[in-house]
Amino acid sequence: MRIRLTMAVVATALVGAFVSPSAAAAAPQEIIGGSTVSSAPWAAAVFQNGSFACSGSIIAPRWVLTARHCLGGTMSVRVGSVYRSSGGTTRTVSATQSRYDLGLLYLSSAVSTTYVTLASSNPPVGSTNTIFGWGRTCTNCDASPQLKTASVRTTTNNATDAYFGPAIRSTGVNGVAWRGDSGGPQFYNGQQVGVCSTGNGSTYQNYASVAASRSWITSVAGV
């Protein structure tokens, strides 16, 4: 089952997200397995029309990186808290831009916190990476109230899709992405290499490649 919601294609409500320091239509992703996170100042929970939708990462004072299929409706974010519904700071989203399955959110005002570092190259095949997200913790569970993390292993950097574009595919080491984690980052060696895009909830997940769109991100967000 692919993680992107059909509703995302028509710019309506979704449920998904991924984040990490140093994760045809269907629903967004969640982390099944893995463990909870106690600190993540760069984490961003993404909301549509007041409801939790996706995750993202803070890449600059007024910019959050998430998935393109997470965009739609009246958007806001909660940043600097491992709990998607409390703590941290909230900001409304003033504008969005997208490329492939990457989305950039421009915040109404700046946030002072720790920002992620973006990678300029894909992770090596066979490398162990880290994903994070607030998604469901089992097939039919609710989204996790606390941020979760899991380790995954890169199998290819050539997973592509007409909509999603260049992507990194991985298999789970101690957890996998599933509904509720779309838009969250994948990290290798402390740098964000991908943004949670699609997967089947059991054996693999695809993350949109940050390196493939690095110059675009710089042109839009200045980082």
C-alpha atoms as a PDB file:
ATOM      1  CA  MET A   1       0.000   0.000   0.000  1.00  0.00           C
ATOM      2  CA  ARG A   2       1.403   3.395  -0.938  1.00  0.00           C
ATOM      3  CA  ILE A   3       1.544   6.000   1.770  1.00  0.00           C
ATOM      4  CA  ARG A   4       0.315   9.081  -0.083  1.00  0.00           C
ATOM      5  CA  LEU A   5      -3.389   9.810   0.400  1.00  0.00           C
ATOM      6  CA  THR A   6      -5.606  10.261  -2.623  1.00  0.00           C
ATOM      7  CA  MET A   7      -6.857  13.381  -0.848  1.00  0.00           C
ATOM      8  CA  ALA A   8      -3.353  14.724  -0.924  1.00  0.00           C
ATOM      9  CA  VAL A   9      -3.440  14.744  -4.709  1.00  0.00           C
ATOM     10  CA  VAL A  10      -6.478  17.000  -4.619  1.00  0.00           C
ATOM     11  CA  ALA A  11      -4.959  19.087  -1.826  1.00  0.00           C
ATOM     12  CA  THR A  12      -7.213  17.992   0.999  1.00  0.00           C
ATOM     13  CA  ALA A  13      -6.706  16.409   4.432  1.00  0.00           C
ATOM     14  CA  LEU A  14      -4.035  13.815   5.156  1.00  0.00           C
ATOM     15  CA  VAL A  15      -2.372  12.086   8.071  1.00  0.00           C
ATOM     16  CA  GLY A  16       1.432  11.662   7.944  1.00  0.00           C
ATOM     17  CA  ALA A  17       4.932  12.711   8.930  1.00  0.00           C
ATOM     18  CA  PHE A  18       8.664  11.921   9.615  1.00  0.00           C
ATOM     19  CA  VAL A  19      11.600  13.681  11.224  1.00  0.00           C
ATOM     20  CA  SER A  20      15.220  13.005  12.280  1.00  0.00           C
ATOM     21  CA  PRO A  21      18.400  14.771  13.474  1.00  0.00           C
ATOM     22  CA  SER A  22      22.326  13.889  14.006  1.00  0.00           C
ATOM     23  CA  ALA A  23      11.940   9.848   7.900  1.00  0.00           C
ATOM     24  CA  ALA A  24      -1.304   6.259  -7.130  1.00  0.00           C
ATOM     25  CA  ALA A  25      -2.946   7.179  -3.924  1.00  0.00           C
ATOM     26  CA  ALA A  26      -2.983   5.912  -0.428  1.00  0.00           C
ATOM     27  CA  ALA A  27      -2.393   7.136   3.112  1.00  0.00           C
ATOM     28  CA  PRO A  28       0.772   8.724   4.627  1.00  0.00           C
ATOM     29  CA  GLN A  29       3.221   6.882   6.885  1.00  0.00           C
ATOM     30  CA  GLU A  30       3.749   5.997  10.545  1.00  0.00           C
ATOM     31  CA  ILE A  31       6.530   4.303  12.511  1.00  0.00           C
ATOM     32  CA  ILE A  32       5.716   0.745  13.496  1.00  0.00           C
ATOM     33  CA  GLY A  33       8.363  -0.470  15.939  1.00  0.00           C
ATOM     34  CA  GLY A  34      11.315   1.710  16.925  1.00  0.00           C
ATOM     35  CA  SER A  35      11.186   3.801  20.116  1.00  0.00           C
ATOM     36  CA  THR A  36      10.016   7.175  21.436  1.00  0.00           C
ATOM     37  CA  VAL A  37      12.107  10.359  21.357  1.00  0.00           C
ATOM     38  CA  SER A  38      12.694  12.616  24.385  1.00  0.00           C
ATOM     39  CA  SER A  39      14.222  15.646  22.629  1.00  0.00           C
ATOM     40  CA  ALA A  40      13.909  17.001  19.084  1.00  0.00           C
ATOM     41  CA  PRO A  41      14.155  20.816  18.890  1.00  0.00           C
ATOM     42  CA  TRP A  42      14.149  20.643  15.054  1.00  0.00           C
ATOM     43  CA  ALA A  43      10.911  18.648  14.870  1.00  0.00           C
ATOM     44  CA  ALA A  44       7.805  20.094  13.238  1.00  0.00           C
ATOM     45  CA  ALA A  45       4.294  18.658  13.464  1.00  0.00           C
ATOM     46  CA  VAL A  46       2.282  19.815  10.440  1.00  0.00           C
ATOM     47  CA  PHE A  47      -1.443  20.575  10.703  1.00  0.00           C
ATOM     48  CA  GLN A  48      -4.160  21.056   8.086  1.00  0.00           C
ATOM     49  CA  ASN A  49      -7.289  22.968   9.082  1.00  0.00           C
ATOM     50  CA  GLY A  50      -6.391  22.423  12.740  1.00  0.00           C
ATOM     51  CA  SER A  51      -5.872  18.649  12.513  1.00  0.00           C
ATOM     52  CA  PHE A  52      -2.548  16.796  12.627  1.00  0.00           C
ATOM     53  CA  ALA A  53      -1.508  15.827   9.106  1.00  0.00           C
ATOM     54  CA  CYS A  54       2.249  15.279   8.675  1.00  0.00           C
ATOM     55  CA  SER A  55       5.716  15.842  10.083  1.00  0.00           C
ATOM     56  CA  GLY A  56       8.508  18.047   8.887  1.00  0.00           C
ATOM     57  CA  SER A  57      11.880  19.439   9.851  1.00  0.00           C
ATOM     58  CA  ILE A  58      12.939  23.023  10.540  1.00  0.00           C
ATOM     59  CA  ILE A  59      15.643  23.990   8.054  1.00  0.00           C
ATOM     60  CA  ALA A  60      15.782  27.763   8.713  1.00  0.00           C
ATOM     61  CA  PRO A  61      14.096  30.333  11.010  1.00  0.00           C
ATOM     62  CA  ARG A  62      11.024  30.624   8.759  1.00  0.00           C
ATOM     63  CA  TRP A  63      11.159  27.418   6.693  1.00  0.00           C
ATOM     64  CA  VAL A  64       9.914  23.883   7.344  1.00  0.00           C
ATOM     65  CA  LEU A  65      10.609  20.998   4.954  1.00  0.00           C
ATOM     66  CA  THR A  66       7.861  18.397   4.533  1.00  0.00           C
ATOM     67  CA  ALA A  67       6.249  16.376   1.720  1.00  0.00           C
ATOM     68  CA  ARG A  68       4.447  17.913  -1.238  1.00  0.00           C
ATOM     69  CA  HIS A  69       1.464  15.625  -0.680  1.00  0.00           C
ATOM     70  CA  CYS A  70       1.093  17.138   2.815  1.00  0.00           C
ATOM     71  CA  LEU A  71       0.196  20.563   1.412  1.00  0.00           C
ATOM     72  CA  GLY A  72      -3.399  21.803   1.470  1.00  0.00           C
ATOM     73  CA  GLY A  73      -5.982  23.724   3.426  1.00  0.00           C
ATOM     74  CA  THR A  74      -5.125  26.213   6.174  1.00  0.00           C
ATOM     75  CA  MET A  75      -1.751  25.066   7.460  1.00  0.00           C
ATOM     76  CA  SER A  76       0.162  25.527  10.709  1.00  0.00           C
ATOM     77  CA  VAL A  77       3.039  23.843  12.534  1.00  0.00           C
ATOM     78  CA  ARG A  78       4.078  23.036  16.089  1.00  0.00           C
ATOM     79  CA  VAL A  79       7.853  23.173  16.472  1.00  0.00           C
ATOM     80  CA  GLY A  80      10.284  22.313  19.246  1.00  0.00           C
ATOM     81  CA  SER A  81       8.209  19.651  21.003  1.00  0.00           C
ATOM     82  CA  VAL A  82       8.247  15.859  20.847  1.00  0.00           C
ATOM     83  CA  TYR A  83       4.491  15.958  21.496  1.00  0.00           C
ATOM     84  CA  ARG A  84       2.421  16.826  18.445  1.00  0.00           C
ATOM     85  CA  SER A  85      -0.440  18.359  20.455  1.00  0.00           C
ATOM     86  CA  SER A  86       1.363  20.262  23.220  1.00  0.00           C
ATOM     87  CA  GLY A  87       4.492  22.202  24.082  1.00  0.00           C
ATOM     88  CA  GLY A  88       6.894  24.012  21.813  1.00  0.00           C
ATOM     89  CA  THR A  89       5.770  26.913  19.642  1.00  0.00           C
ATOM     90  CA  THR A  90       3.053  27.165  17.008  1.00  0.00           C
ATOM     91  CA  ARG A  91       3.192  29.155  13.785  1.00  0.00           C
ATOM     92  CA  THR A  92       0.795  29.597  10.887  1.00  0.00           C
ATOM     93  CA  VAL A  93       2.020  28.912   7.348  1.00  0.00           C
ATOM     94  CA  SER A  94       2.010  31.960   5.064  1.00  0.00           C
ATOM     95  CA  ALA A  95       3.017  30.286   1.792  1.00  0.00           C
ATOM     96  CA  THR A  96       4.115  26.955   0.316  1.00  0.00           C
ATOM     97  CA  GLN A  97       6.275  25.796  -2.578  1.00  0.00           C
ATOM     98  CA  SER A  98       6.873  22.279  -3.896  1.00  0.00           C
ATOM     99  CA  ARG A  99       9.004  20.142  -6.176  1.00  0.00           C
ATOM    100  CA  TYR A 100       8.644  16.386  -6.686  1.00  0.00           C
ATOM    101  CA  ASP A 101       7.340  15.131  -3.314  1.00  0.00           C
ATOM    102  CA  LEU A 102       9.081  17.885  -1.339  1.00  0.00           C
ATOM    103  CA  GLY A 103       7.157  20.780   0.177  1.00  0.00           C
ATOM    104  CA  LEU A 104       8.485  23.967   1.748  1.00  0.00           C
ATOM    105  CA  LEU A 105       6.381  25.846   4.317  1.00  0.00           C
ATOM    106  CA  TYR A 106       7.052  29.559   4.905  1.00  0.00           C
ATOM    107  CA  LEU A 107       6.148  30.451   8.486  1.00  0.00           C
ATOM    108  CA  SER A 108       4.314  33.596   9.580  1.00  0.00           C
ATOM    109  CA  SER A 109       7.233  34.506  11.864  1.00  0.00           C
ATOM    110  CA  ALA A 110      10.682  33.169  12.696  1.00  0.00           C
ATOM    111  CA  VAL A 111      11.399  30.345  15.133  1.00  0.00           C
ATOM    112  CA  SER A 112      14.664  30.271  17.083  1.00  0.00           C
ATOM    113  CA  THR A 113      15.762  26.665  17.574  1.00  0.00           C
ATOM    114  CA  THR A 114      18.168  24.023  16.267  1.00  0.00           C
ATOM    115  CA  TYR A 115      17.829  23.633  12.496  1.00  0.00           C
ATOM    116  CA  VAL A 116      18.622  20.459  10.589  1.00  0.00           C
ATOM    117  CA  THR A 117      21.557  20.238   8.168  1.00  0.00           C
ATOM    118  CA  LEU A 118      20.615  19.167   4.649  1.00  0.00           C
ATOM    119  CA  ALA A 119      22.722  16.640   2.740  1.00  0.00           C
ATOM    120  CA  SER A 120      24.155  17.242  -0.731  1.00  0.00           C
ATOM    121  CA  SER A 121      24.456  13.536  -1.564  1.00  0.00           C
ATOM    122  CA  ASN A 122      22.375  10.396  -1.064  1.00  0.00           C
ATOM    123  CA  PRO A 123      23.280   7.879   1.662  1.00  0.00           C
ATOM    124  CA  PRO A 124      25.383   4.889   0.542  1.00  0.00           C
ATOM    125  CA  VAL A 125      23.498   1.722  -0.351  1.00  0.00           C
ATOM    126  CA  GLY A 126      23.675  -0.571   2.661  1.00  0.00           C
ATOM    127  CA  SER A 127      24.035   2.268   5.156  1.00  0.00           C
ATOM    128  CA  THR A 128      21.928   2.481   8.313  1.00  0.00           C
ATOM    129  CA  ASN A 129      19.792   5.633   8.480  1.00  0.00           C
ATOM    130  CA  THR A 130      17.355   7.067  11.032  1.00  0.00           C
ATOM    131  CA  ILE A 131      13.712   8.070  10.561  1.00  0.00           C
ATOM    132  CA  PHE A 132      11.308   9.871  12.906  1.00  0.00           C
ATOM    133  CA  GLY A 133       7.562  10.457  12.975  1.00  0.00           C
ATOM    134  CA  TRP A 134       4.297  10.852  14.877  1.00  0.00           C
ATOM    135  CA  GLY A 135       2.395   8.310  12.789  1.00  0.00           C
ATOM    136  CA  ARG A 136       0.472   5.220  13.765  1.00  0.00           C
ATOM    137  CA  THR A 137       2.271   2.600  15.839  1.00  0.00           C
ATOM    138  CA  CYS A 138       0.337  -0.335  14.347  1.00  0.00           C
ATOM    139  CA  THR A 139      -1.852  -0.855  11.293  1.00  0.00           C
ATOM    140  CA  ASN A 140      -5.072   0.382  12.912  1.00  0.00           C
ATOM    141  CA  CYS A 141      -3.747   2.453  15.846  1.00  0.00           C
ATOM    142  CA  ASP A 142      -4.102   6.196  16.292  1.00  0.00           C
ATOM    143  CA  ALA A 143      -1.175   8.484  15.471  1.00  0.00           C
ATOM    144  CA  SER A 144       1.479   8.463  18.200  1.00  0.00           C
ATOM    145  CA  PRO A 145       1.215  11.435  20.602  1.00  0.00           C
ATOM    146  CA  GLN A 146       5.004  11.351  21.094  1.00  0.00           C
ATOM    147  CA  LEU A 147       7.653  11.443  18.382  1.00  0.00           C
ATOM    148  CA  LYS A 148       9.094   8.044  17.459  1.00  0.00           C
ATOM    149  CA  THR A 149      12.288   6.934  15.759  1.00  0.00           C
ATOM    150  CA  ALA A 150      13.548   3.819  13.973  1.00  0.00           C
ATOM    151  CA  SER A 151      16.590   2.603  12.075  1.00  0.00           C
ATOM    152  CA  VAL A 152      16.359   1.644   8.387  1.00  0.00           C
ATOM    153  CA  ARG A 153      18.830   0.325   5.805  1.00  0.00           C
ATOM    154  CA  THR A 154      19.205   1.935   2.368  1.00  0.00           C
ATOM    155  CA  THR A 155      18.628  -0.508  -0.504  1.00  0.00           C
ATOM    156  CA  THR A 156      18.714   1.869  -3.500  1.00  0.00           C
ATOM    157  CA  ASN A 157      19.014   5.546  -4.353  1.00  0.00           C
ATOM    158  CA  ASN A 158      17.194   5.041  -7.657  1.00  0.00           C
ATOM    159  CA  ALA A 159      13.602   4.564  -6.558  1.00  0.00           C
ATOM    160  CA  THR A 160      11.636   6.945  -8.798  1.00  0.00           C
ATOM    161  CA  ASP A 161       8.039   7.809  -9.580  1.00  0.00           C
ATOM    162  CA  ALA A 162       6.425  10.187 -12.069  1.00  0.00           C
ATOM    163  CA  TYR A 163       4.881  12.145  -9.184  1.00  0.00           C
ATOM    164  CA  PHE A 164       7.450  11.652  -6.432  1.00  0.00           C
ATOM    165  CA  GLY A 165      10.625  11.992  -8.461  1.00  0.00           C
ATOM    166  CA  PRO A 166      14.047  10.725  -7.257  1.00  0.00           C
ATOM    167  CA  ALA A 167      13.767   8.765  -4.024  1.00  0.00           C
ATOM    168  CA  ILE A 168      15.736   6.670  -1.519  1.00  0.00           C
ATOM    169  CA  ARG A 169      14.308   3.234  -0.726  1.00  0.00           C
ATOM    170  CA  SER A 170      15.062   1.464   2.545  1.00  0.00           C
ATOM    171  CA  THR A 171      14.004  -1.559   4.562  1.00  0.00           C
ATOM    172  CA  GLY A 172      13.369  -1.570   8.294  1.00  0.00           C
ATOM    173  CA  VAL A 173      16.055  -2.515  10.813  1.00  0.00           C
ATOM    174  CA  ASN A 174      13.959  -2.081  13.972  1.00  0.00           C
ATOM    175  CA  GLY A 175      10.930  -0.291  12.549  1.00  0.00           C
ATOM    176  CA  VAL A 176       9.187   0.927   9.383  1.00  0.00           C
ATOM    177  CA  ALA A 177       7.278   3.993   8.222  1.00  0.00           C
ATOM    178  CA  TRP A 178       3.523   3.898   7.830  1.00  0.00           C
ATOM    179  CA  ARG A 179       0.418   6.119   8.029  1.00  0.00           C
ATOM    180  CA  GLY A 180       0.980   9.401   9.851  1.00  0.00           C
ATOM    181  CA  ASP A 181       4.722   9.920   9.139  1.00  0.00           C
ATOM    182  CA  SER A 182       4.660  11.521   5.677  1.00  0.00           C
ATOM    183  CA  GLY A 183       6.872  14.570   5.321  1.00  0.00           C
ATOM    184  CA  GLY A 184       9.272  13.516   8.061  1.00  0.00           C
ATOM    185  CA  PRO A 185      13.000  13.271   7.390  1.00  0.00           C
ATOM    186  CA  GLN A 186      15.491  10.476   7.000  1.00  0.00           C
ATOM    187  CA  PHE A 187      18.998  11.152   8.335  1.00  0.00           C
ATOM    188  CA  TYR A 188      22.431   9.775   7.583  1.00  0.00           C
ATOM    189  CA  ASN A 189      25.549  10.950   9.470  1.00  0.00           C
ATOM    190  CA  GLY A 190      23.576  13.775  11.089  1.00  0.00           C
ATOM    191  CA  GLN A 191      22.282  15.251   7.825  1.00  0.00           C
ATOM    192  CA  GLN A 192      18.803  15.015   6.354  1.00  0.00           C
ATOM    193  CA  VAL A 193      18.911  12.936   3.186  1.00  0.00           C
ATOM    194  CA  GLY A 194      15.206  12.310   2.531  1.00  0.00           C
ATOM    195  CA  VAL A 195      11.573  13.229   3.163  1.00  0.00           C
ATOM    196  CA  CYS A 196       9.000  10.516   3.888  1.00  0.00           C
ATOM    197  CA  SER A 197       6.948   9.850   0.767  1.00  0.00           C
ATOM    198  CA  THR A 198       5.597   6.319   0.190  1.00  0.00           C
ATOM    199  CA  GLY A 199       5.873   2.755   1.486  1.00  0.00           C
ATOM    200  CA  ASN A 200       3.960  -0.449   2.198  1.00  0.00           C
ATOM    201  CA  GLY A 201       4.047  -0.371   5.995  1.00  0.00           C
ATOM    202  CA  SER A 202       5.866  -3.655   6.382  1.00  0.00           C
ATOM    203  CA  THR A 203       8.945  -4.158   4.196  1.00  0.00           C
ATOM    204  CA  TYR A 204      10.049  -0.835   2.677  1.00  0.00           C
ATOM    205  CA  GLN A 205       9.649   2.938   2.526  1.00  0.00           C
ATOM    206  CA  ASN A 206      10.613   5.573  -0.064  1.00  0.00           C
ATOM    207  CA  TYR A 207      11.920   9.003   0.901  1.00  0.00           C
ATOM    208  CA  ALA A 208      12.122  11.849  -1.606  1.00  0.00           C
ATOM    209  CA  SER A 209      15.803  12.659  -2.168  1.00  0.00           C
ATOM    210  CA  VAL A 210      16.981  15.937  -0.637  1.00  0.00           C
ATOM    211  CA  ALA A 211      20.201  15.864  -2.682  1.00  0.00           C
ATOM    212  CA  ALA A 212      18.260  15.684  -5.964  1.00  0.00           C
ATOM    213  CA  SER A 213      16.503  18.952  -5.092  1.00  0.00           C
ATOM    214  CA  ARG A 214      19.269  20.612  -3.100  1.00  0.00           C
ATOM    215  CA  SER A 215      19.711  23.575  -5.458  1.00  0.00           C
ATOM    216  CA  TRP A 216      15.937  24.166  -5.540  1.00  0.00           C
ATOM    217  CA  ILE A 217      15.756  24.222  -1.728  1.00  0.00           C
ATOM    218  CA  THR A 218      18.602  26.743  -1.660  1.00  0.00           C
ATOM    219  CA  SER A 219      16.923  28.954  -4.259  1.00  0.00           C
ATOM    220  CA  VAL A 220      13.662  29.027  -2.290  1.00  0.00           C
ATOM    221  CA  ALA A 221      14.756  28.956   1.359  1.00  0.00           C
ATOM    222  CA  GLY A 222      18.330  30.230   1.118  1.00  0.00           C
ATOM    223  CA  VAL A 223      19.846  27.209   2.885  1.00  0.00           C
END
